Amino acid sequence: MTRRLALRGGLSGGEPGASGANSLIREDGEEIELSDKVTLAVKAGEVLRICTPGGGGHG
């Protein structure tokens, strides 16, 4: 299981945290979902979006 998919458990009945995600948004608006480990060339005008995983909740 990758670090991006392993949800962090909550404490005292709290909900688990959200998983992370990476994506590349091309100049034309196309969004490509990326794996947690990837090597790629990014062109000027493209956006690399990195959403880090969240921690679990409490109670």
N, C-alpha and C. Protein backbone atom coordinates (compact mmCIF):
# COMPACT_ATOMS: atom_id res chain seq x y z
N MET A 1 0.85 -1.18 0.00
CA MET A 1 0.00 0.00 0.00
C MET A 1 0.90 1.24 0.00
N THR A 2 0.58 2.19 -0.84
CA THR A 2 1.42 3.38 -0.93
C THR A 2 1.13 4.35 0.20
N ARG A 3 2.03 5.25 0.40
CA ARG A 3 1.85 6.26 1.45
C ARG A 3 0.67 7.17 1.14
N ARG A 4 0.32 7.34 -0.12
CA ARG A 4 -0.80 8.19 -0.50
C ARG A 4 -2.14 7.54 -0.23
N LEU A 5 -2.19 6.21 -0.18
CA LEU A 5 -3.46 5.51 0.01
C LEU A 5 -3.66 4.99 1.42
N ALA A 6 -2.59 4.95 2.22
CA ALA A 6 -2.70 4.45 3.60
C ALA A 6 -3.29 5.56 4.46
N LEU A 7 -4.59 5.44 4.79
CA LEU A 7 -5.25 6.48 5.57
C LEU A 7 -4.78 6.43 7.02
N ARG A 8 -4.56 7.59 7.59
CA ARG A 8 -4.15 7.68 9.00
C ARG A 8 -5.40 7.60 9.86
N GLY A 9 -5.38 6.67 10.77
CA GLY A 9 -6.55 6.46 11.62
C GLY A 9 -6.78 7.60 12.59
N GLY A 10 -8.03 7.75 12.99
CA GLY A 10 -8.37 8.76 13.99
C GLY A 10 -8.21 8.21 15.39
N LEU A 11 -8.26 9.10 16.37
CA LEU A 11 -8.15 8.71 17.78
C LEU A 11 -9.51 8.86 18.46
N SER A 12 -9.76 8.01 19.41
CA SER A 12 -10.98 8.08 20.22
C SER A 12 -12.25 8.16 19.37
N GLY A 13 -12.32 7.35 18.31
CA GLY A 13 -13.50 7.31 17.46
C GLY A 13 -13.50 8.32 16.32
N GLY A 14 -12.43 9.06 16.16
CA GLY A 14 -12.36 10.04 15.07
C GLY A 14 -12.22 9.37 13.72
N GLU A 15 -12.65 10.05 12.68
CA GLU A 15 -12.57 9.53 11.32
C GLU A 15 -11.12 9.51 10.83
N PRO A 16 -10.80 8.61 9.89
CA PRO A 16 -9.45 8.60 9.31
C PRO A 16 -9.23 9.84 8.45
N GLY A 17 -7.97 10.20 8.25
CA GLY A 17 -7.63 11.35 7.42
C GLY A 17 -7.84 11.04 5.94
N ALA A 18 -7.87 12.09 5.13
CA ALA A 18 -8.05 11.94 3.69
C ALA A 18 -6.76 11.44 3.04
N SER A 19 -6.90 10.71 1.94
CA SER A 19 -5.71 10.26 1.20
C SER A 19 -5.17 11.42 0.37
N GLY A 20 -3.95 11.30 -0.07
CA GLY A 20 -3.34 12.32 -0.90
C GLY A 20 -3.52 12.02 -2.38
N ALA A 21 -3.20 12.99 -3.21
CA ALA A 21 -3.33 12.80 -4.66
C ALA A 21 -2.38 13.75 -5.38
N ASN A 22 -1.89 13.32 -6.53
CA ASN A 22 -1.04 14.14 -7.39
C ASN A 22 -1.66 14.19 -8.77
N SER A 23 -1.62 15.34 -9.41
CA SER A 23 -2.14 15.43 -10.77
C SER A 23 -1.38 16.50 -11.55
N LEU A 24 -1.40 16.35 -12.85
CA LEU A 24 -0.80 17.31 -13.77
C LEU A 24 -1.95 17.94 -14.56
N ILE A 25 -2.00 19.26 -14.56
CA ILE A 25 -3.03 19.98 -15.30
C ILE A 25 -2.35 20.63 -16.51
N ARG A 26 -2.72 20.15 -17.68
CA ARG A 26 -2.14 20.65 -18.94
C ARG A 26 -2.71 22.02 -19.27
N GLU A 27 -2.06 22.72 -20.19
CA GLU A 27 -2.49 24.07 -20.58
C GLU A 27 -3.92 24.09 -21.10
N ASP A 28 -4.38 23.00 -21.72
CA ASP A 28 -5.74 22.96 -22.26
C ASP A 28 -6.78 22.59 -21.21
N GLY A 29 -6.37 22.42 -19.94
CA GLY A 29 -7.28 22.10 -18.85
C GLY A 29 -7.40 20.63 -18.54
N GLU A 30 -6.83 19.77 -19.39
CA GLU A 30 -6.88 18.32 -19.13
C GLU A 30 -6.12 18.03 -17.84
N GLU A 31 -6.76 17.26 -16.94
CA GLU A 31 -6.13 16.88 -15.69
C GLU A 31 -5.79 15.40 -15.72
N ILE A 32 -4.53 15.09 -15.47
CA ILE A 32 -4.04 13.71 -15.51
C ILE A 32 -3.65 13.30 -14.10
N GLU A 33 -4.30 12.25 -13.59
CA GLU A 33 -3.99 11.74 -12.27
C GLU A 33 -2.64 11.02 -12.32
N LEU A 34 -1.78 11.29 -11.35
CA LEU A 34 -0.45 10.70 -11.31
C LEU A 34 -0.33 9.73 -10.15
N SER A 35 0.58 8.78 -10.27
CA SER A 35 0.85 7.87 -9.16
C SER A 35 1.66 8.63 -8.11
N ASP A 36 1.89 7.99 -6.96
CA ASP A 36 2.61 8.67 -5.89
C ASP A 36 4.10 8.84 -6.19
N LYS A 37 4.64 8.04 -7.08
CA LYS A 37 6.05 8.16 -7.48
C LYS A 37 6.09 8.21 -9.00
N VAL A 38 6.52 9.34 -9.56
CA VAL A 38 6.52 9.50 -11.00
C VAL A 38 7.62 10.48 -11.41
N THR A 39 8.17 10.27 -12.59
CA THR A 39 9.11 11.21 -13.19
C THR A 39 8.51 11.65 -14.51
N LEU A 40 8.39 12.96 -14.71
CA LEU A 40 7.81 13.45 -15.95
C LEU A 40 8.34 14.85 -16.24
N ALA A 41 8.22 15.24 -17.51
CA ALA A 41 8.61 16.59 -17.93
C ALA A 41 7.37 17.46 -17.88
N VAL A 42 7.50 18.62 -17.24
CA VAL A 42 6.39 19.57 -17.14
C VAL A 42 6.75 20.79 -17.97
N LYS A 43 5.85 21.19 -18.84
CA LYS A 43 6.08 22.34 -19.72
C LYS A 43 5.63 23.62 -19.03
N ALA A 44 6.19 24.74 -19.50
CA ALA A 44 5.76 26.05 -19.00
C ALA A 44 4.26 26.20 -19.23
N GLY A 45 3.54 26.67 -18.22
CA GLY A 45 2.11 26.84 -18.32
C GLY A 45 1.31 25.68 -17.76
N GLU A 46 1.96 24.54 -17.51
CA GLU A 46 1.28 23.40 -16.90
C GLU A 46 1.40 23.51 -15.38
N VAL A 47 0.47 22.87 -14.67
CA VAL A 47 0.44 22.95 -13.21
C VAL A 47 0.56 21.55 -12.62
N LEU A 48 1.44 21.39 -11.65
CA LEU A 48 1.56 20.15 -10.90
C LEU A 48 0.84 20.36 -9.58
N ARG A 49 -0.27 19.62 -9.37
CA ARG A 49 -1.06 19.76 -8.15
C ARG A 49 -0.70 18.61 -7.21
N ILE A 50 -0.29 18.96 -5.98
CA ILE A 50 0.06 17.97 -4.98
C ILE A 50 -0.83 18.20 -3.76
N CYS A 51 -1.72 17.26 -3.48
CA CYS A 51 -2.59 17.31 -2.30
C CYS A 51 -2.05 16.32 -1.29
N THR A 52 -1.50 16.82 -0.20
CA THR A 52 -0.90 15.95 0.79
C THR A 52 -1.97 15.25 1.63
N PRO A 53 -1.66 14.05 2.15
CA PRO A 53 -2.64 13.34 2.97
C PRO A 53 -2.92 14.08 4.26
N GLY A 54 -4.13 13.94 4.77
CA GLY A 54 -4.51 14.59 6.03
C GLY A 54 -4.37 13.63 7.20
N GLY A 55 -4.21 14.18 8.38
CA GLY A 55 -4.16 13.37 9.59
C GLY A 55 -5.56 12.99 10.03
N GLY A 56 -5.66 11.99 10.86
CA GLY A 56 -6.97 11.54 11.34
C GLY A 56 -7.55 12.51 12.35
N GLY A 57 -8.88 12.41 12.52
CA GLY A 57 -9.58 13.27 13.46
C GLY A 57 -9.55 12.72 14.88
N HIS A 58 -10.11 13.46 15.81
CA HIS A 58 -10.17 13.05 17.22
C HIS A 58 -11.61 13.11 17.69
N GLY A 59 -12.06 11.99 18.30
CA GLY A 59 -13.38 11.93 18.92
C GLY A 59 -14.47 12.10 17.97
